[in-house]
N, C-alpha and C. Protein backbone atom coordinates (compact mmCIF):
# COMPACT_ATOMS: atom_id res chain seq x y z
N MET A 1 228.43 234.98 79.40
CA MET A 1 228.02 236.15 78.47
C MET A 1 227.31 237.11 79.26
N ASP A 2 227.59 238.41 79.36
CA ASP A 2 226.76 239.23 80.24
C ASP A 2 225.46 239.39 79.53
N LYS A 3 224.57 240.01 80.32
CA LYS A 3 223.17 240.18 79.59
C LYS A 3 223.08 241.16 78.56
N GLU A 4 224.03 242.19 78.51
CA GLU A 4 224.09 243.17 77.59
C GLU A 4 224.52 242.59 76.13
N LEU A 5 225.35 241.72 76.19
CA LEU A 5 225.90 241.14 74.99
C LEU A 5 224.95 240.18 74.56
N LEU A 6 224.28 239.52 75.47
CA LEU A 6 223.26 238.41 74.92
C LEU A 6 222.00 239.18 74.21
N ARG A 7 221.62 240.41 74.78
CA ARG A 7 220.53 241.18 74.16
C ARG A 7 220.79 241.58 72.80
N VAL A 8 222.14 241.86 72.65
CA VAL A 8 222.55 242.49 71.33
C VAL A 8 222.49 241.38 70.30
N VAL A 9 222.93 240.17 70.56
CA VAL A 9 223.00 238.91 69.76
C VAL A 9 221.47 238.50 69.45
N ILE A 10 220.54 238.54 70.39
CA ILE A 10 219.28 238.35 70.05
C ILE A 10 218.58 239.23 69.10
N ILE A 11 218.78 240.56 69.29
CA ILE A 11 218.40 241.59 68.36
C ILE A 11 218.99 241.36 66.81
N ALA A 12 220.24 241.15 66.77
CA ALA A 12 220.97 240.91 65.46
C ALA A 12 220.45 239.87 64.79
N THR A 13 220.15 238.66 65.62
CA THR A 13 219.63 237.53 64.86
C THR A 13 218.22 237.60 64.33
N GLY A 14 217.46 238.40 65.34
CA GLY A 14 216.14 238.66 64.78
C GLY A 14 216.16 239.62 63.46
N LEU A 15 217.10 240.65 63.61
CA LEU A 15 217.09 241.43 62.14
C LEU A 15 217.57 240.56 61.07
N LEU A 16 218.64 239.55 61.21
CA LEU A 16 218.94 238.88 59.99
C LEU A 16 217.75 237.88 59.60
N VAL A 17 216.91 237.27 60.52
CA VAL A 17 215.72 236.50 60.20
C VAL A 17 214.82 237.23 59.40
N ILE A 18 214.59 238.64 59.83
CA ILE A 18 213.48 239.41 59.26
C ILE A 18 213.97 239.75 57.89
N MET A 19 215.59 240.12 57.72
CA MET A 19 215.91 240.47 56.37
C MET A 19 215.85 239.19 55.34
N GLY A 20 216.13 238.00 55.91
CA GLY A 20 216.06 236.87 55.16
C GLY A 20 214.55 236.66 54.59
N MET A 21 213.69 236.83 55.44
CA MET A 21 212.25 236.62 55.02
C MET A 21 211.90 237.81 53.91
N LEU A 22 212.32 238.88 54.19
CA LEU A 22 211.94 240.04 53.12
C LEU A 22 212.61 239.66 51.81
N ALA A 23 213.91 239.22 51.65
CA ALA A 23 214.57 238.78 50.70
C ALA A 23 213.93 237.40 49.90
N TRP A 24 213.54 236.72 50.62
CA TRP A 24 212.77 235.50 50.13
C TRP A 24 211.44 236.01 49.38
N HIS A 25 210.84 236.77 50.02
CA HIS A 25 209.38 237.29 49.39
C HIS A 25 209.73 238.04 48.17
N PHE A 26 210.68 238.71 48.34
CA PHE A 26 211.10 239.49 47.00
C PHE A 26 211.42 238.87 45.78
N PHE A 27 212.44 237.70 46.15
CA PHE A 27 212.58 236.91 44.90
C PHE A 27 211.34 236.09 44.51
N LYS A 28 210.76 235.52 45.37
CA LYS A 28 209.46 234.84 45.18
C LYS A 28 208.47 235.39 44.14
N ASN A 29 208.22 236.98 44.48
CA ASN A 29 207.26 237.72 43.81
C ASN A 29 207.92 238.09 42.29
N LYS A 30 209.38 238.14 42.44
CA LYS A 30 209.81 238.56 41.06
C LYS A 30 209.72 237.27 40.04
N LYS A 31 209.86 236.26 40.58
CA LYS A 31 209.72 235.11 39.75
C LYS A 31 208.47 234.77 39.25
N PHE A 32 207.28 235.15 40.15
CA PHE A 32 205.90 234.85 39.70
C PHE A 32 205.64 235.87 38.59
N SER A 33 206.14 237.09 38.74
CA SER A 33 205.93 238.11 37.47
C SER A 33 206.65 237.75 36.31
N GLN A 34 207.79 237.09 36.37
CA GLN A 34 208.38 236.70 35.11
C GLN A 34 207.46 235.53 34.61
N ASP A 35 207.01 234.54 35.43
CA ASP A 35 206.19 233.40 35.06
C ASP A 35 204.89 233.90 34.26
N MET A 36 204.39 234.88 34.99
CA MET A 36 203.05 235.51 34.20
C MET A 36 203.44 235.96 32.83
N GLY A 37 204.45 236.75 32.77
CA GLY A 37 204.87 237.51 31.59
C GLY A 37 205.14 236.37 30.60
N PHE A 38 205.70 235.47 30.95
CA PHE A 38 206.07 234.29 29.94
C PHE A 38 204.69 233.62 29.45
N PHE A 39 203.86 233.38 30.47
CA PHE A 39 202.63 232.62 30.10
C PHE A 39 201.72 233.69 29.27
N SER A 40 201.72 234.82 29.47
CA SER A 40 200.96 235.88 28.60
C SER A 40 201.45 235.77 27.20
N ASP A 41 202.85 235.80 27.10
CA ASP A 41 203.27 235.74 25.77
C ASP A 41 203.01 234.36 24.96
N GLN A 42 203.27 233.42 25.64
CA GLN A 42 202.87 232.22 25.17
C GLN A 42 201.45 232.00 24.50
N VAL A 43 200.52 232.49 25.43
CA VAL A 43 199.14 232.19 25.32
C VAL A 43 198.60 233.21 24.17
N PHE A 44 198.83 234.53 24.43
CA PHE A 44 198.15 235.65 23.86
C PHE A 44 199.11 236.12 22.73
N GLY A 45 200.35 235.89 22.65
CA GLY A 45 201.15 236.48 21.87
C GLY A 45 201.00 236.18 20.40
N ASN A 46 200.37 234.98 20.14
CA ASN A 46 200.43 234.15 18.83
C ASN A 46 199.04 234.34 18.25
N ILE A 47 198.20 235.11 18.83
CA ILE A 47 196.66 235.15 18.23
C ILE A 47 196.71 235.82 17.00
N ASN A 48 195.90 235.49 16.02
CA ASN A 48 195.66 235.91 14.63
C ASN A 48 195.17 237.28 15.01
N GLU A 49 195.74 238.25 14.21
CA GLU A 49 195.22 239.64 14.39
C GLU A 49 193.82 239.80 13.78
N SER A 50 193.41 239.10 12.81
CA SER A 50 192.04 239.23 12.30
C SER A 50 191.16 238.64 13.02
N LEU A 51 191.50 237.84 14.27
CA LEU A 51 190.41 237.47 15.30
C LEU A 51 190.19 238.45 16.53
N VAL A 52 191.10 239.48 16.52
CA VAL A 52 190.97 240.41 17.54
C VAL A 52 189.77 241.39 17.44
N VAL A 53 189.01 241.54 18.45
CA VAL A 53 188.00 242.79 18.16
C VAL A 53 188.43 244.00 18.56
N HIS A 54 188.34 244.94 17.89
CA HIS A 54 188.49 246.30 17.98
C HIS A 54 187.43 247.01 18.22
N ASN A 55 186.87 247.34 19.50
CA ASN A 55 185.59 248.00 19.67
C ASN A 55 185.66 249.47 20.02
N GLU A 56 186.93 250.22 19.90
CA GLU A 56 186.99 251.54 20.22
C GLU A 56 186.16 252.35 19.32
N HIS A 57 186.10 252.04 18.09
CA HIS A 57 185.41 252.76 17.12
C HIS A 57 183.94 252.44 16.67
N ASP A 58 183.48 251.44 17.31
CA ASP A 58 182.20 250.96 16.94
C ASP A 58 181.03 251.45 17.73
N ASP A 59 179.95 251.75 16.70
CA ASP A 59 178.76 252.28 17.09
C ASP A 59 177.62 251.30 17.27
N PHE A 60 176.96 251.13 18.14
CA PHE A 60 175.87 250.26 18.41
C PHE A 60 174.54 250.83 18.50
N ASP A 61 173.47 250.37 17.70
CA ASP A 61 172.20 251.00 17.65
C ASP A 61 171.35 249.76 18.38
N ILE A 62 170.85 249.98 19.66
CA ILE A 62 169.82 249.19 20.33
C ILE A 62 168.53 249.12 19.66
N VAL A 63 168.09 248.11 19.10
CA VAL A 63 166.77 248.09 18.51
C VAL A 63 165.99 247.01 19.25
N GLN A 64 164.75 247.54 19.57
CA GLN A 64 163.89 246.76 20.46
C GLN A 64 163.09 245.69 19.39
N LEU A 65 163.21 244.67 19.65
CA LEU A 65 162.61 243.52 18.77
C LEU A 65 161.15 243.40 19.11
N GLU A 66 160.30 243.41 18.19
CA GLU A 66 158.89 243.29 18.15
C GLU A 66 158.59 241.70 18.47
N LYS A 67 157.66 241.60 19.30
CA LYS A 67 157.05 240.20 19.76
C LYS A 67 156.33 239.61 18.66
N PRO A 68 156.65 238.57 18.05
CA PRO A 68 156.20 237.85 17.02
C PRO A 68 154.56 237.58 17.29
N ALA A 69 153.74 237.72 16.37
CA ALA A 69 152.26 237.53 16.49
C ALA A 69 152.09 236.03 16.53
N HIS A 70 151.24 235.72 17.63
CA HIS A 70 151.01 234.48 17.90
C HIS A 70 149.91 234.03 16.77
N PRO A 71 149.89 232.84 16.37
CA PRO A 71 148.79 232.52 15.34
C PRO A 71 147.33 232.50 15.92
N ALA A 72 147.36 232.30 16.98
CA ALA A 72 145.96 232.20 17.73
C ALA A 72 145.49 233.75 17.61
N ASP A 73 146.37 234.64 18.13
CA ASP A 73 145.90 236.01 17.96
C ASP A 73 145.54 236.48 16.55
N GLU A 74 146.21 235.96 15.43
CA GLU A 74 145.83 236.44 14.21
C GLU A 74 144.41 235.80 13.81
N LEU A 75 144.27 234.57 14.12
CA LEU A 75 142.93 233.93 13.84
C LEU A 75 141.80 234.62 14.43
N GLU A 76 142.11 234.99 15.77
CA GLU A 76 141.03 235.81 16.44
C GLU A 76 140.61 237.23 15.82
N GLY A 77 141.65 237.93 15.27
CA GLY A 77 141.53 239.12 14.79
C GLY A 77 140.84 238.89 13.46
N GLN A 78 140.95 237.93 12.59
CA GLN A 78 140.27 237.48 11.42
C GLN A 78 138.76 237.34 11.62
N LEU A 79 138.72 236.52 12.69
CA LEU A 79 137.34 235.95 12.78
C LEU A 79 136.51 237.28 13.33
N ARG A 80 137.14 238.05 14.15
CA ARG A 80 136.30 239.41 14.75
C ARG A 80 136.04 240.15 13.53
N ASP A 81 137.07 240.41 12.63
CA ASP A 81 136.83 241.19 11.36
C ASP A 81 135.67 240.61 10.56
N GLY A 82 135.75 239.37 10.41
CA GLY A 82 134.69 238.74 9.48
C GLY A 82 133.23 238.85 10.35
N PHE A 83 133.24 238.73 11.48
CA PHE A 83 131.92 238.86 12.23
C PHE A 83 131.33 240.21 12.15
N ASP A 84 132.35 241.23 12.30
CA ASP A 84 131.83 242.72 12.00
C ASP A 84 131.29 242.96 10.87
N ASP A 85 131.96 242.37 9.73
CA ASP A 85 131.57 242.68 8.25
C ASP A 85 130.16 241.99 7.94
N ASP A 86 130.05 240.72 8.57
CA ASP A 86 128.98 239.93 8.10
C ASP A 86 127.59 240.20 9.00
N PHE A 87 127.91 240.70 10.23
CA PHE A 87 126.74 241.03 11.26
C PHE A 87 126.84 242.35 11.88
N ASP A 88 126.59 243.24 10.85
CA ASP A 88 126.62 244.81 11.25
C ASP A 88 125.28 245.13 11.78
N LEU A 89 124.91 244.95 13.03
CA LEU A 89 123.70 245.00 13.54
C LEU A 89 123.20 246.42 13.71
N ASP A 90 124.15 247.43 13.78
CA ASP A 90 123.88 248.80 14.12
C ASP A 90 123.61 249.48 12.92
N GLU A 91 123.96 249.34 11.80
CA GLU A 91 123.67 250.00 10.68
C GLU A 91 122.35 249.37 9.79
N HIS A 92 121.95 248.31 9.92
CA HIS A 92 120.92 247.67 9.20
C HIS A 92 119.71 247.55 9.97
N GLU A 93 118.48 248.05 9.56
CA GLU A 93 117.35 247.78 10.13
C GLU A 93 116.48 246.76 9.55
N PRO A 94 115.62 245.95 10.16
CA PRO A 94 114.89 244.97 9.51
C PRO A 94 113.81 245.65 8.61
N PRO A 95 113.65 245.03 7.44
CA PRO A 95 112.81 245.45 6.43
C PRO A 95 111.43 245.74 6.75
N GLN A 96 110.84 246.87 6.28
CA GLN A 96 109.39 247.23 6.62
C GLN A 96 108.46 246.44 5.91
N ARG A 97 107.58 245.89 6.44
CA ARG A 97 106.43 245.10 5.70
C ARG A 97 105.58 246.10 4.94
N PHE A 98 105.36 245.88 3.62
CA PHE A 98 104.59 246.74 2.88
C PHE A 98 103.18 246.56 3.26
N VAL A 99 102.37 247.72 3.29
CA VAL A 99 101.06 247.92 3.69
C VAL A 99 100.21 248.38 2.54
N ALA A 100 99.33 247.76 2.17
CA ALA A 100 98.42 248.02 1.09
C ALA A 100 97.66 249.32 1.38
N PRO A 101 97.40 250.26 0.39
CA PRO A 101 96.68 251.46 0.57
C PRO A 101 95.11 251.11 1.01
N GLU A 102 94.48 251.80 1.42
CA GLU A 102 92.96 251.60 1.66
C GLU A 102 92.31 251.50 0.34
N ILE A 103 92.59 252.28 -0.62
CA ILE A 103 92.13 252.15 -1.87
C ILE A 103 93.10 251.91 -3.06
N ILE A 104 93.14 250.84 -3.56
CA ILE A 104 93.97 250.54 -4.66
C ILE A 104 93.56 251.07 -5.88
N GLN A 105 94.58 251.75 -6.66
CA GLN A 105 94.24 252.50 -7.93
C GLN A 105 95.52 252.09 -8.96
N PHE A 106 94.85 251.53 -10.07
CA PHE A 106 95.66 251.46 -11.31
C PHE A 106 95.01 252.11 -12.29
N SER A 107 95.78 252.60 -13.38
CA SER A 107 95.20 253.31 -14.48
C SER A 107 95.61 252.77 -15.83
N VAL A 108 94.73 252.81 -16.87
CA VAL A 108 95.29 252.46 -18.21
C VAL A 108 94.95 253.77 -18.82
N VAL A 109 96.08 254.46 -19.49
CA VAL A 109 96.05 255.75 -20.11
C VAL A 109 96.29 255.54 -21.55
N SER A 110 95.82 256.18 -22.59
CA SER A 110 95.98 256.20 -23.85
C SER A 110 97.35 256.82 -24.31
N LYS A 111 97.93 256.17 -25.14
CA LYS A 111 99.24 256.43 -25.90
C LYS A 111 99.17 257.65 -26.83
N THR A 112 97.80 258.30 -27.16
CA THR A 112 97.58 258.95 -28.17
C THR A 112 97.05 260.39 -27.41
N ASN A 113 97.09 261.60 -28.12
CA ASN A 113 96.44 262.89 -27.56
C ASN A 113 95.05 262.73 -27.78
N GLU A 114 94.49 261.96 -28.58
CA GLU A 114 92.93 261.91 -28.81
C GLU A 114 92.29 261.14 -27.83
N GLY A 115 93.06 260.07 -27.28
CA GLY A 115 92.51 259.34 -26.19
C GLY A 115 91.67 258.21 -26.55
N PHE A 116 90.99 257.39 -25.72
CA PHE A 116 90.23 256.25 -26.07
C PHE A 116 88.93 256.69 -26.50
N TYR A 117 88.47 256.06 -27.68
CA TYR A 117 87.12 256.17 -28.32
C TYR A 117 86.05 255.52 -27.64
N GLY A 118 84.84 256.18 -27.31
CA GLY A 118 83.79 255.71 -26.51
C GLY A 118 83.41 254.32 -26.86
N LEU A 119 83.15 254.01 -28.13
CA LEU A 119 82.76 252.57 -28.52
C LEU A 119 83.85 251.67 -28.44
N ASP A 120 84.97 251.90 -28.52
CA ASP A 120 86.16 251.10 -28.29
C ASP A 120 86.24 250.76 -26.81
N LEU A 121 85.97 251.86 -25.95
CA LEU A 121 85.90 251.45 -24.55
C LEU A 121 84.71 250.55 -24.19
N LEU A 122 83.60 250.80 -24.61
CA LEU A 122 82.35 249.88 -24.39
C LEU A 122 82.69 248.64 -24.68
N LYS A 123 83.31 248.21 -25.98
CA LYS A 123 83.64 247.03 -26.16
C LYS A 123 84.47 246.29 -25.26
N ALA A 124 85.58 246.99 -24.86
CA ALA A 124 86.59 246.42 -23.82
C ALA A 124 85.90 246.24 -22.53
N PHE A 125 85.00 247.11 -22.04
CA PHE A 125 84.46 247.01 -20.66
C PHE A 125 83.42 245.62 -20.65
N ARG A 126 82.86 245.25 -21.90
CA ARG A 126 82.17 244.10 -21.97
C ARG A 126 82.75 242.86 -21.96
N ILE A 127 83.90 242.86 -22.55
CA ILE A 127 85.06 241.70 -22.42
C ILE A 127 85.42 241.46 -21.04
N ALA A 128 85.62 242.55 -20.44
CA ALA A 128 86.20 242.53 -18.93
C ALA A 128 85.00 242.29 -17.91
N GLU A 129 83.85 242.13 -18.44
CA GLU A 129 82.75 241.79 -17.69
C GLU A 129 82.31 242.84 -16.58
N LEU A 130 82.34 244.22 -17.42
CA LEU A 130 82.18 245.33 -16.30
C LEU A 130 80.84 245.80 -16.90
N GLU A 131 79.96 246.20 -15.87
CA GLU A 131 78.52 246.78 -16.09
C GLU A 131 78.50 248.09 -15.80
N TYR A 132 77.72 248.89 -16.52
CA TYR A 132 77.50 250.37 -16.29
C TYR A 132 76.54 250.54 -15.16
N GLY A 133 76.92 251.24 -14.16
CA GLY A 133 76.11 251.21 -12.71
C GLY A 133 75.35 252.52 -12.70
N SER A 134 74.62 252.70 -11.38
CA SER A 134 73.97 253.89 -11.24
C SER A 134 74.76 255.11 -11.06
N LEU A 135 76.09 254.97 -10.62
CA LEU A 135 76.96 256.09 -10.54
C LEU A 135 77.56 256.53 -11.71
N LYS A 136 76.77 256.14 -13.04
CA LYS A 136 77.60 256.30 -14.26
C LYS A 136 78.99 256.05 -14.28
N ILE A 137 79.52 254.94 -13.59
CA ILE A 137 80.73 254.34 -13.90
C ILE A 137 80.52 252.81 -14.16
N PHE A 138 81.63 252.10 -14.62
CA PHE A 138 81.52 250.72 -14.87
C PHE A 138 82.17 249.84 -13.75
N GLU A 139 81.27 248.78 -13.20
CA GLU A 139 81.49 248.10 -12.15
C GLU A 139 81.84 246.65 -12.37
N ARG A 140 82.46 245.94 -11.47
CA ARG A 140 82.55 244.37 -11.47
C ARG A 140 81.80 244.03 -10.27
N LEU A 141 80.82 243.08 -10.33
CA LEU A 141 79.79 242.72 -9.49
C LEU A 141 79.93 241.26 -9.06
N ASP A 142 79.74 241.06 -7.99
CA ASP A 142 79.95 239.59 -7.45
C ASP A 142 78.70 238.81 -7.74
N ALA A 143 78.62 237.55 -7.03
CA ALA A 143 77.40 236.70 -7.36
C ALA A 143 76.15 237.36 -6.60
N LYS A 144 76.43 237.97 -5.53
CA LYS A 144 75.25 238.82 -4.82
C LYS A 144 74.97 240.15 -5.31
N ARG A 145 75.47 240.39 -6.52
CA ARG A 145 75.27 241.82 -7.14
C ARG A 145 75.98 242.86 -6.17
N MET A 146 76.97 242.67 -5.49
CA MET A 146 77.80 243.59 -4.70
C MET A 146 78.93 243.93 -5.47
N VAL A 147 79.35 245.31 -5.45
CA VAL A 147 80.51 245.61 -6.22
C VAL A 147 81.77 245.35 -5.59
N ASP A 148 82.63 244.55 -6.40
CA ASP A 148 84.13 244.49 -6.15
C ASP A 148 85.09 245.57 -6.23
N PHE A 149 84.90 245.96 -7.52
CA PHE A 149 85.71 247.21 -7.80
C PHE A 149 84.94 247.95 -9.08
N GLY A 150 85.47 249.35 -9.15
CA GLY A 150 84.97 250.23 -10.27
C GLY A 150 85.93 250.69 -11.20
N VAL A 151 85.36 251.28 -12.28
CA VAL A 151 86.19 252.06 -13.25
C VAL A 151 85.70 253.40 -13.62
N ALA A 152 86.46 254.33 -13.42
CA ALA A 152 85.99 255.50 -13.77
C ALA A 152 86.72 256.40 -14.77
N CYS A 153 86.33 257.47 -15.34
CA CYS A 153 87.01 258.09 -16.35
C CYS A 153 88.05 259.25 -15.83
N MET A 154 89.24 259.24 -16.41
CA MET A 154 90.11 260.14 -15.65
C MET A 154 89.85 261.60 -15.97
N ALA A 155 89.07 261.95 -16.88
CA ALA A 155 88.61 263.32 -17.04
C ALA A 155 87.39 263.61 -16.26
N GLY A 156 87.33 264.74 -15.74
CA GLY A 156 86.26 265.26 -14.74
C GLY A 156 84.97 265.17 -15.75
N PRO A 157 83.77 264.89 -15.06
CA PRO A 157 83.69 264.45 -13.61
C PRO A 157 83.82 263.09 -13.32
N GLY A 158 84.39 262.37 -14.18
CA GLY A 158 84.79 260.75 -13.82
C GLY A 158 83.77 259.83 -14.31
N THR A 159 82.68 260.45 -14.96
CA THR A 159 81.58 259.47 -15.23
C THR A 159 81.59 259.11 -16.87
N PHE A 160 80.78 258.22 -17.33
CA PHE A 160 80.79 257.89 -18.62
C PHE A 160 79.16 258.31 -18.78
N PRO A 161 79.04 258.50 -20.26
CA PRO A 161 77.69 258.54 -20.58
C PRO A 161 77.02 257.16 -20.91
N ALA A 162 75.73 257.20 -20.95
CA ALA A 162 74.99 255.83 -21.39
C ALA A 162 75.56 255.35 -22.68
N SER A 163 75.13 254.31 -23.01
CA SER A 163 75.57 253.45 -24.28
C SER A 163 75.32 254.23 -25.47
N ALA A 164 74.00 255.07 -25.47
CA ALA A 164 73.86 255.81 -26.61
C ALA A 164 74.80 256.89 -26.86
N GLY A 165 75.46 257.50 -25.83
CA GLY A 165 76.23 258.70 -25.97
C GLY A 165 77.78 258.39 -26.06
N MET A 166 77.96 257.04 -26.15
CA MET A 166 79.44 256.69 -26.34
C MET A 166 80.19 256.91 -27.70
N ASP A 167 79.27 256.98 -28.93
CA ASP A 167 79.75 257.04 -30.14
C ASP A 167 80.60 258.31 -30.48
N ASP A 168 80.38 259.38 -29.52
CA ASP A 168 81.07 260.71 -29.73
C ASP A 168 81.83 261.22 -28.55
N PHE A 169 82.13 260.08 -27.70
CA PHE A 169 82.72 260.35 -26.27
C PHE A 169 84.44 259.77 -26.51
N TYR A 170 85.12 260.57 -25.95
CA TYR A 170 86.70 260.28 -25.92
C TYR A 170 87.10 260.50 -24.37
N CYS A 171 87.94 259.65 -23.99
CA CYS A 171 88.62 259.57 -22.85
C CYS A 171 90.33 259.47 -22.48
N PRO A 172 90.94 260.36 -21.98
CA PRO A 172 92.29 260.20 -21.89
C PRO A 172 92.77 258.82 -21.19
N GLY A 173 91.80 258.27 -20.41
CA GLY A 173 92.34 257.16 -19.67
C GLY A 173 91.45 256.90 -18.66
N VAL A 174 91.45 255.42 -18.17
CA VAL A 174 90.43 255.09 -17.04
C VAL A 174 91.23 254.89 -15.78
N VAL A 175 90.45 254.85 -14.62
CA VAL A 175 91.07 254.52 -13.23
C VAL A 175 90.32 253.40 -12.77
N PHE A 176 90.99 252.30 -12.16
CA PHE A 176 90.37 251.05 -11.73
C PHE A 176 90.76 251.36 -10.25
N PHE A 177 89.56 251.20 -9.44
CA PHE A 177 89.90 251.16 -8.02
C PHE A 177 89.06 250.05 -7.30
N MET A 178 89.70 249.72 -6.11
CA MET A 178 89.13 248.82 -5.24
C MET A 178 89.41 249.12 -3.77
N GLN A 179 88.57 248.71 -2.81
CA GLN A 179 88.68 248.93 -1.57
C GLN A 179 88.83 247.61 -0.78
N PRO A 180 90.11 247.15 -0.54
CA PRO A 180 90.24 245.63 0.01
C PRO A 180 89.60 245.47 1.29
N GLY A 181 89.70 246.52 2.22
CA GLY A 181 89.28 246.52 3.41
C GLY A 181 87.74 245.89 3.66
N VAL A 182 86.86 246.29 2.61
CA VAL A 182 85.48 245.84 2.87
C VAL A 182 85.13 244.50 2.04
N LEU A 183 86.19 243.82 1.61
CA LEU A 183 85.89 242.62 0.71
C LEU A 183 86.23 241.46 1.58
N ASP A 184 85.43 240.30 1.31
CA ASP A 184 85.53 239.00 2.04
C ASP A 184 86.93 238.33 1.44
N ASP A 185 87.14 238.44 0.26
CA ASP A 185 88.21 237.79 -0.21
C ASP A 185 88.94 238.82 -1.14
N ALA A 186 89.76 239.56 -0.41
CA ALA A 186 90.59 240.63 -1.21
C ALA A 186 91.58 240.27 -2.20
N VAL A 187 92.20 239.05 -1.83
CA VAL A 187 93.28 238.48 -2.88
C VAL A 187 92.67 238.06 -4.12
N LYS A 188 91.43 237.40 -4.08
CA LYS A 188 90.82 236.96 -5.32
C LYS A 188 90.28 238.01 -6.22
N VAL A 189 89.70 239.14 -5.39
CA VAL A 189 89.08 240.21 -6.15
C VAL A 189 90.46 241.15 -6.83
N PHE A 190 91.58 240.98 -6.01
CA PHE A 190 92.58 241.89 -6.67
C PHE A 190 93.15 240.89 -7.86
N ASP A 191 93.04 239.65 -7.95
CA ASP A 191 93.46 238.99 -9.05
C ASP A 191 92.44 239.22 -10.26
N ASP A 192 91.14 239.23 -9.96
CA ASP A 192 90.24 239.82 -11.07
C ASP A 192 90.40 241.09 -11.42
N PHE A 193 90.77 242.06 -10.63
CA PHE A 193 91.01 243.42 -10.75
C PHE A 193 92.09 243.53 -11.68
N LEU A 194 93.42 242.81 -11.57
CA LEU A 194 94.36 242.71 -12.45
C LEU A 194 94.01 242.24 -13.91
N GLU A 195 93.16 241.22 -13.84
CA GLU A 195 92.70 240.66 -15.05
C GLU A 195 92.11 241.59 -16.01
N ALA A 196 91.11 242.34 -15.40
CA ALA A 196 90.31 243.39 -15.96
C ALA A 196 91.15 244.38 -16.45
N VAL A 197 92.33 244.82 -15.63
CA VAL A 197 93.23 245.96 -16.00
C VAL A 197 93.99 245.50 -17.55
N ASN A 198 94.50 244.29 -17.42
CA ASN A 198 95.09 243.91 -18.47
C ASN A 198 94.40 243.87 -19.75
N ILE A 199 93.00 243.45 -19.54
CA ILE A 199 92.12 243.21 -20.66
C ILE A 199 92.03 244.57 -21.41
N LEU A 200 91.82 245.48 -20.73
CA LEU A 200 91.58 246.98 -21.19
C LEU A 200 92.99 247.43 -21.88
N ALA A 201 93.98 247.18 -21.07
CA ALA A 201 95.31 247.76 -21.71
C ALA A 201 95.59 246.88 -22.90
N VAL A 202 95.30 245.64 -23.27
CA VAL A 202 95.46 245.03 -24.49
C VAL A 202 94.38 245.35 -25.56
N GLU A 203 93.20 245.67 -25.24
CA GLU A 203 92.20 245.77 -26.28
C GLU A 203 92.34 247.36 -26.62
N LEU A 204 92.80 248.31 -25.82
CA LEU A 204 92.73 249.52 -26.09
C LEU A 204 94.28 250.09 -26.44
N ASP A 205 95.18 249.15 -26.33
CA ASP A 205 96.76 249.54 -26.56
C ASP A 205 96.97 250.71 -25.58
N GLY A 206 96.81 250.49 -24.35
CA GLY A 206 97.12 251.58 -23.28
C GLY A 206 98.22 251.10 -22.69
N GLU A 207 98.57 252.19 -21.77
CA GLU A 207 99.75 251.93 -20.89
C GLU A 207 99.18 251.77 -19.39
N VAL A 208 99.74 250.84 -18.58
CA VAL A 208 99.26 250.48 -17.08
C VAL A 208 100.13 251.39 -16.15
N LEU A 209 99.71 252.21 -15.43
CA LEU A 209 100.40 252.97 -14.50
C LEU A 209 99.75 252.59 -13.02
N ASP A 210 100.73 252.64 -12.05
CA ASP A 210 100.37 252.44 -10.80
C ASP A 210 99.83 253.51 -10.06
N HIS A 211 99.66 253.69 -8.74
CA HIS A 211 98.93 254.60 -7.94
C HIS A 211 99.82 255.96 -7.79
N ASP A 212 101.22 255.80 -8.27
CA ASP A 212 102.11 256.86 -8.27
C ASP A 212 102.21 257.25 -9.68
N ARG A 213 101.28 256.90 -10.53
CA ARG A 213 101.58 257.22 -12.01
C ARG A 213 102.88 256.69 -12.64
N LYS A 214 103.35 255.91 -12.18
CA LYS A 214 104.55 255.05 -12.63
C LYS A 214 104.10 253.99 -13.32
N ALA A 215 104.99 253.40 -14.43
CA ALA A 215 104.56 252.04 -14.94
C ALA A 215 104.64 250.93 -13.64
N LEU A 216 103.31 250.21 -13.99
CA LEU A 216 103.11 249.31 -13.12
C LEU A 216 104.16 248.16 -13.22
N THR A 217 104.87 247.64 -12.10
CA THR A 217 105.68 246.63 -12.05
C THR A 217 105.35 245.47 -11.42
N ASN A 218 105.87 244.22 -11.83
CA ASN A 218 105.42 242.97 -11.11
C ASN A 218 105.85 242.96 -9.54
N ALA A 219 106.91 243.64 -9.25
CA ALA A 219 107.41 243.82 -7.91
C ALA A 219 106.15 244.75 -7.12
N THR A 220 105.76 245.65 -7.73
CA THR A 220 104.47 246.41 -6.87
C THR A 220 103.28 245.54 -6.80
N ILE A 221 103.04 244.79 -7.87
CA ILE A 221 101.78 243.86 -7.87
C ILE A 221 102.11 242.89 -6.76
N GLN A 222 103.25 242.22 -6.62
CA GLN A 222 103.51 241.15 -5.65
C GLN A 222 103.49 241.73 -4.10
N SER A 223 103.90 242.94 -4.03
CA SER A 223 103.88 243.72 -2.80
C SER A 223 102.58 243.86 -2.20
N ILE A 224 101.67 244.38 -3.06
CA ILE A 224 100.34 244.69 -2.73
C ILE A 224 99.60 243.33 -2.47
N ARG A 225 99.74 242.29 -3.38
CA ARG A 225 99.08 241.07 -3.19
C ARG A 225 99.25 240.32 -1.85
N GLN A 226 100.69 240.33 -1.50
CA GLN A 226 101.18 239.85 -0.13
C GLN A 226 100.75 240.36 1.04
N SER A 227 100.31 241.75 0.84
CA SER A 227 100.01 242.65 2.20
C SER A 227 98.44 242.38 2.26
N LEU A 228 97.56 241.66 1.33
CA LEU A 228 96.14 241.52 1.52
C LEU A 228 95.87 240.52 2.31
């Protein structure tokens, strides 16, 4: 066989081999596609329609979930609120200690327009152990004959007549006064002072007023006494 014929045979054989290979791949792929279609029908073709999800018409709202409060955080907030309520240091100032005035004054005033009659006053002064002094007022004296406190008339000039002139004397009220700063035992004298005030109020049926001309209260008495 000459060389030209041999060349043609080789080319033809190669073409046949190539065509055979192409045909094999074609049929192989076709069979694979058929198998896949069969498998798809077998697996998915019998699915219940109610189990199929159709999402083409769904609207989804994305909501950010809040982080749940930790019990420790809630307890801390309650304790902090309770502490602020119970210990409000900015709004409350410490109470101020009451300071007694330099001259303590209590009054016993008449409940009638006529006032206290002189002889009734004189009797009440004697019961309260008050003596008529050189300043024409009544005074309480200590063992050394020193003045603890005095009693003056509310009407000017504040003095009382001597005993002989008390029968035609009227007074709208009397003022008790004491100066605690010059006394050795201001608390004891204050107690005596209150006792004498009460004696006159009872004997004369008078009303007791404090230094502000208001009804004397036990709170005022205790505040003054504790400040002495």
